[in-house]
Amino acid sequence: MANWREKLNQAAQNTISKSKEVAGVAKLNVEIGTLNQSMKNIYTEVGKYVLENGLLHEDESVAKWAAKAADIKAEIEANTEKIKLLKNVNTCPGCGAEVPKTSKFCDKCGTPIVVASTEPVKEDEEIIDADYSEASHRDAGAEETVQEPVTEAADQEETIPED
């Protein structure tokens, strides 16, 4: 019976030893994985620095990678614009938030939203601004411009329908 007990004790000791070995290997593998990720991050930062600063442009491989990166960046920007069209939003120039196309100001920071027209303006075409007032137009030629408040009566005299 003592022999059986010794064999059981030896098996338990072997199991404990193997468990410690597996735990140690696992811990080192996690550390190696973390270090490998740190190396990848450094490679990424070095590559980004080289491309953004136009370094090593004489190297043919770097020039090819830079061209590929520029193409990918352009594709990302095009897809981002497509997403904005699908979502019917613009990007706030102040804070970068998505703003509905119907908004004149950003909901988050209050920055005025200016949207560039995609249609070319013809030379003989007059551009009408709904916020334009006669008073500011008359004073535009004067050397010292005085802003007059627009009254309700002035608003009623000339109303411009909005689309």
C-alpha atoms as a PDB file:
ATOM      1  CA  MET A   1       0.000   0.000   0.000  1.00  0.00           C
ATOM      2  CA  ALA A   2       2.919   2.333   0.648  1.00  0.00           C
ATOM      3  CA  ASN A   3       3.989   1.829  -2.951  1.00  0.00           C
ATOM      4  CA  TRP A   4       0.578   2.962  -4.194  1.00  0.00           C
ATOM      5  CA  ARG A   5       0.726   6.031  -1.942  1.00  0.00           C
ATOM      6  CA  GLU A   6       4.212   6.934  -3.213  1.00  0.00           C
ATOM      7  CA  LYS A   7       3.057   6.618  -6.829  1.00  0.00           C
ATOM      8  CA  LEU A   8       0.052   8.868  -6.138  1.00  0.00           C
ATOM      9  CA  ASN A   9       2.273  11.416  -4.349  1.00  0.00           C
ATOM     10  CA  GLN A  10       4.767  11.345  -7.243  1.00  0.00           C
ATOM     11  CA  ALA A  11       1.946  11.830  -9.801  1.00  0.00           C
ATOM     12  CA  ALA A  12       0.637  14.810  -7.808  1.00  0.00           C
ATOM     13  CA  GLN A  13       4.126  16.334  -7.653  1.00  0.00           C
ATOM     14  CA  ASN A  14       4.550  15.845 -11.423  1.00  0.00           C
ATOM     15  CA  THR A  15       1.164  17.489 -12.035  1.00  0.00           C
ATOM     16  CA  ILE A  16       2.074  20.469  -9.866  1.00  0.00           C
ATOM     17  CA  SER A  17       5.453  20.805 -11.589  1.00  0.00           C
ATOM     18  CA  LYS A  18       3.862  20.596 -15.054  1.00  0.00           C
ATOM     19  CA  SER A  19       1.195  23.168 -14.074  1.00  0.00           C
ATOM     20  CA  LYS A  20       3.907  25.599 -12.948  1.00  0.00           C
ATOM     21  CA  GLU A  21       5.755  25.020 -16.227  1.00  0.00           C
ATOM     22  CA  VAL A  22       2.610  25.631 -18.323  1.00  0.00           C
ATOM     23  CA  ALA A  23       1.768  28.775 -16.316  1.00  0.00           C
ATOM     24  CA  GLY A  24       5.328  30.093 -16.734  1.00  0.00           C
ATOM     25  CA  VAL A  25       5.299  29.417 -20.489  1.00  0.00           C
ATOM     26  CA  ALA A  26       1.891  31.066 -20.864  1.00  0.00           C
ATOM     27  CA  LYS A  27       3.047  34.119 -18.932  1.00  0.00           C
ATOM     28  CA  LEU A  28       6.171  34.445 -21.096  1.00  0.00           C
ATOM     29  CA  ASN A  29       4.118  33.960 -24.296  1.00  0.00           C
ATOM     30  CA  VAL A  30       1.826  36.828 -23.243  1.00  0.00           C
ATOM     31  CA  GLU A  31       4.874  38.992 -22.552  1.00  0.00           C
ATOM     32  CA  ILE A  32       6.378  38.067 -25.948  1.00  0.00           C
ATOM     33  CA  GLY A  33       3.059  38.935 -27.636  1.00  0.00           C
ATOM     34  CA  THR A  34       3.000  42.309 -25.887  1.00  0.00           C
ATOM     35  CA  LEU A  35       6.601  43.011 -26.926  1.00  0.00           C
ATOM     36  CA  ASN A  36       5.853  41.986 -30.534  1.00  0.00           C
ATOM     37  CA  GLN A  37       2.898  44.384 -30.561  1.00  0.00           C
ATOM     38  CA  SER A  38       5.174  47.130 -29.239  1.00  0.00           C
ATOM     39  CA  MET A  39       7.595  46.441 -32.102  1.00  0.00           C
ATOM     40  CA  LYS A  40       4.737  46.606 -34.636  1.00  0.00           C
ATOM     41  CA  ASN A  41       3.657  49.927 -33.150  1.00  0.00           C
ATOM     42  CA  ILE A  42       7.211  51.276 -33.491  1.00  0.00           C
ATOM     43  CA  TYR A  43       7.401  50.049 -37.116  1.00  0.00           C
ATOM     44  CA  THR A  44       4.092  51.756 -37.798  1.00  0.00           C
ATOM     45  CA  GLU A  45       5.244  55.030 -36.240  1.00  0.00           C
ATOM     46  CA  VAL A  46       8.565  54.944 -38.129  1.00  0.00           C
ATOM     47  CA  GLY A  47       6.765  54.225 -41.405  1.00  0.00           C
ATOM     48  CA  LYS A  48       4.245  56.974 -40.757  1.00  0.00           C
ATOM     49  CA  TYR A  49       7.049  59.423 -39.954  1.00  0.00           C
ATOM     50  CA  VAL A  50       8.964  58.490 -43.112  1.00  0.00           C
ATOM     51  CA  LEU A  51       5.880  58.837 -45.333  1.00  0.00           C
ATOM     52  CA  GLU A  52       4.570  62.061 -43.771  1.00  0.00           C
ATOM     53  CA  ASN A  53       7.954  63.759 -43.944  1.00  0.00           C
ATOM     54  CA  GLY A  54       8.877  62.500 -47.432  1.00  0.00           C
ATOM     55  CA  LEU A  55      12.022  60.784 -46.208  1.00  0.00           C
ATOM     56  CA  LEU A  56      13.883  58.133 -48.185  1.00  0.00           C
ATOM     57  CA  HIS A  57      11.973  59.092 -51.344  1.00  0.00           C
ATOM     58  CA  GLU A  58      14.984  58.038 -53.400  1.00  0.00           C
ATOM     59  CA  ASP A  59      14.455  54.426 -52.253  1.00  0.00           C
ATOM     60  CA  GLU A  60      12.254  52.698 -54.852  1.00  0.00           C
ATOM     61  CA  SER A  61      10.502  50.500 -52.279  1.00  0.00           C
ATOM     62  CA  VAL A  62       9.663  53.449 -50.053  1.00  0.00           C
ATOM     63  CA  ALA A  63       8.387  55.388 -53.077  1.00  0.00           C
ATOM     64  CA  LYS A  64       6.062  52.481 -53.994  1.00  0.00           C
ATOM     65  CA  TRP A  65       4.789  52.196 -50.416  1.00  0.00           C
ATOM     66  CA  ALA A  66       4.234  55.956 -50.283  1.00  0.00           C
ATOM     67  CA  ALA A  67       2.208  55.808 -53.518  1.00  0.00           C
ATOM     68  CA  LYS A  68       0.142  52.895 -52.168  1.00  0.00           C
ATOM     69  CA  ALA A  69      -0.430  54.760 -48.899  1.00  0.00           C
ATOM     70  CA  ALA A  70      -1.563  57.875 -50.795  1.00  0.00           C
ATOM     71  CA  ASP A  71      -3.988  55.787 -52.890  1.00  0.00           C
ATOM     72  CA  ILE A  72      -5.405  54.111 -49.784  1.00  0.00           C
ATOM     73  CA  LYS A  73      -5.750  57.454 -48.009  1.00  0.00           C
ATOM     74  CA  ALA A  74      -7.634  58.905 -51.006  1.00  0.00           C
ATOM     75  CA  GLU A  75      -9.933  55.861 -51.049  1.00  0.00           C
ATOM     76  CA  ILE A  76     -10.608  56.237 -47.311  1.00  0.00           C
ATOM     77  CA  GLU A  77     -11.483  59.913 -47.802  1.00  0.00           C
ATOM     78  CA  ALA A  78     -13.778  59.090 -50.753  1.00  0.00           C
ATOM     79  CA  ASN A  79     -15.571  56.400 -48.735  1.00  0.00           C
ATOM     80  CA  THR A  80     -15.893  58.769 -45.775  1.00  0.00           C
ATOM     81  CA  GLU A  81     -17.562  61.318 -48.056  1.00  0.00           C
ATOM     82  CA  LYS A  82     -19.911  58.610 -49.385  1.00  0.00           C
ATOM     83  CA  ILE A  83     -20.880  57.744 -45.809  1.00  0.00           C
ATOM     84  CA  LYS A  84     -21.598  61.414 -45.089  1.00  0.00           C
ATOM     85  CA  LEU A  85     -23.812  61.564 -48.193  1.00  0.00           C
ATOM     86  CA  LEU A  86     -25.693  58.430 -47.138  1.00  0.00           C
ATOM     87  CA  LYS A  87     -26.150  59.766 -43.602  1.00  0.00           C
ATOM     88  CA  ASN A  88     -26.994  63.260 -44.933  1.00  0.00           C
ATOM     89  CA  VAL A  89     -24.442  64.948 -42.656  1.00  0.00           C
ATOM     90  CA  ASN A  90     -21.496  67.346 -42.839  1.00  0.00           C
ATOM     91  CA  THR A  91     -18.452  67.525 -40.585  1.00  0.00           C
ATOM     92  CA  CYS A  92     -18.077  70.486 -38.256  1.00  0.00           C
ATOM     93  CA  PRO A  93     -14.834  72.347 -39.059  1.00  0.00           C
ATOM     94  CA  GLY A  94     -14.537  73.352 -35.405  1.00  0.00           C
ATOM     95  CA  CYS A  95     -14.862  70.092 -33.510  1.00  0.00           C
ATOM     96  CA  GLY A  96     -15.203  67.381 -36.183  1.00  0.00           C
ATOM     97  CA  ALA A  97     -18.675  66.299 -35.061  1.00  0.00           C
ATOM     98  CA  GLU A  98     -21.254  65.051 -37.552  1.00  0.00           C
ATOM     99  CA  VAL A  99     -23.863  67.745 -38.188  1.00  0.00           C
ATOM    100  CA  PRO A 100     -27.108  67.313 -40.160  1.00  0.00           C
ATOM    101  CA  LYS A 101     -26.898  69.016 -43.569  1.00  0.00           C
ATOM    102  CA  THR A 102     -29.875  71.199 -42.661  1.00  0.00           C
ATOM    103  CA  SER A 103     -28.031  72.724 -39.676  1.00  0.00           C
ATOM    104  CA  LYS A 104     -26.417  76.125 -39.997  1.00  0.00           C
ATOM    105  CA  PHE A 105     -24.465  75.720 -36.739  1.00  0.00           C
ATOM    106  CA  CYS A 106     -22.805  72.783 -34.990  1.00  0.00           C
ATOM    107  CA  ASP A 107     -24.953  71.335 -32.206  1.00  0.00           C
ATOM    108  CA  LYS A 108     -21.871  70.620 -30.074  1.00  0.00           C
ATOM    109  CA  CYS A 109     -19.637  73.682 -30.414  1.00  0.00           C
ATOM    110  CA  GLY A 110     -21.758  76.296 -32.216  1.00  0.00           C
ATOM    111  CA  THR A 111     -19.380  76.768 -35.147  1.00  0.00           C
ATOM    112  CA  PRO A 112     -21.162  78.057 -38.285  1.00  0.00           C
ATOM    113  CA  ILE A 113     -21.417  75.336 -40.927  1.00  0.00           C
ATOM    114  CA  VAL A 114     -20.365  76.555 -44.362  1.00  0.00           C
ATOM    115  CA  VAL A 115     -21.095  74.138 -47.187  1.00  0.00           C
ATOM    116  CA  ALA A 116     -19.286  74.547 -50.476  1.00  0.00           C
ATOM    117  CA  SER A 117     -21.563  74.317 -53.483  1.00  0.00           C
ATOM    118  CA  THR A 118     -20.791  71.501 -55.890  1.00  0.00           C
ATOM    119  CA  GLU A 119     -22.432  73.359 -58.780  1.00  0.00           C
ATOM    120  CA  PRO A 120     -20.304  75.933 -60.632  1.00  0.00           C
ATOM    121  CA  VAL A 121     -21.555  79.513 -60.536  1.00  0.00           C
ATOM    122  CA  LYS A 122     -22.114  81.093 -63.954  1.00  0.00           C
ATOM    123  CA  GLU A 123     -20.662  84.573 -64.449  1.00  0.00           C
ATOM    124  CA  ASP A 124     -24.000  86.188 -65.283  1.00  0.00           C
ATOM    125  CA  GLU A 125     -25.832  84.379 -62.471  1.00  0.00           C
ATOM    126  CA  GLU A 126     -26.686  86.430 -59.394  1.00  0.00           C
ATOM    127  CA  ILE A 127     -26.178  84.738 -56.038  1.00  0.00           C
ATOM    128  CA  ILE A 128     -28.862  85.605 -53.490  1.00  0.00           C
ATOM    129  CA  ASP A 129     -28.124  85.220 -49.812  1.00  0.00           C
ATOM    130  CA  ALA A 130     -31.169  84.954 -47.552  1.00  0.00           C
ATOM    131  CA  ASP A 131     -29.223  86.675 -44.760  1.00  0.00           C
ATOM    132  CA  TYR A 132     -28.319  89.655 -47.011  1.00  0.00           C
ATOM    133  CA  SER A 133     -29.833  93.007 -46.100  1.00  0.00           C
ATOM    134  CA  GLU A 134     -30.205  96.211 -48.119  1.00  0.00           C
ATOM    135  CA  ALA A 135     -28.812  98.261 -45.239  1.00  0.00           C
ATOM    136  CA  SER A 136     -25.499  96.417 -45.229  1.00  0.00           C
ATOM    137  CA  HIS A 137     -25.305  96.688 -49.043  1.00  0.00           C
ATOM    138  CA  ARG A 138     -25.803 100.493 -48.978  1.00  0.00           C
ATOM    139  CA  ASP A 139     -23.134 100.876 -46.316  1.00  0.00           C
ATOM    140  CA  ALA A 140     -20.659  98.577 -48.063  1.00  0.00           C
ATOM    141  CA  GLY A 141     -19.333 101.434 -50.194  1.00  0.00           C
ATOM    142  CA  ALA A 142     -18.803 103.747 -47.225  1.00  0.00           C
ATOM    143  CA  GLU A 143     -15.389 103.880 -45.640  1.00  0.00           C
ATOM    144  CA  GLU A 144     -16.774 103.346 -42.170  1.00  0.00           C
ATOM    145  CA  THR A 145     -19.471 100.687 -42.087  1.00  0.00           C
ATOM    146  CA  VAL A 146     -22.217 101.020 -39.503  1.00  0.00           C
ATOM    147  CA  GLN A 147     -24.355  97.929 -38.985  1.00  0.00           C
ATOM    148  CA  GLU A 148     -28.021  98.860 -38.691  1.00  0.00           C
ATOM    149  CA  PRO A 149     -30.350  96.404 -37.000  1.00  0.00           C
ATOM    150  CA  VAL A 150     -32.861  94.874 -39.397  1.00  0.00           C
ATOM    151  CA  THR A 151     -36.396  95.492 -38.199  1.00  0.00           C
ATOM    152  CA  GLU A 152     -39.488  93.423 -38.786  1.00  0.00           C
ATOM    153  CA  ALA A 153     -40.817  96.091 -41.170  1.00  0.00           C
ATOM    154  CA  ALA A 154     -37.674  95.792 -43.286  1.00  0.00           C
ATOM    155  CA  ASP A 155     -38.100  92.040 -43.315  1.00  0.00           C
ATOM    156  CA  GLN A 156     -41.656  92.410 -44.584  1.00  0.00           C
ATOM    157  CA  GLU A 157     -40.650  94.818 -47.357  1.00  0.00           C
ATOM    158  CA  GLU A 158     -38.349  92.361 -49.044  1.00  0.00           C
ATOM    159  CA  THR A 159     -38.825  88.697 -48.410  1.00  0.00           C
ATOM    160  CA  ILE A 160     -36.838  86.128 -50.277  1.00  0.00           C
ATOM    161  CA  PRO A 161     -38.436  82.685 -50.423  1.00  0.00           C
ATOM    162  CA  GLU A 162     -36.187  79.924 -49.124  1.00  0.00           C
ATOM    163  CA  ASP A 163     -35.998  76.574 -50.871  1.00  0.00           C
END
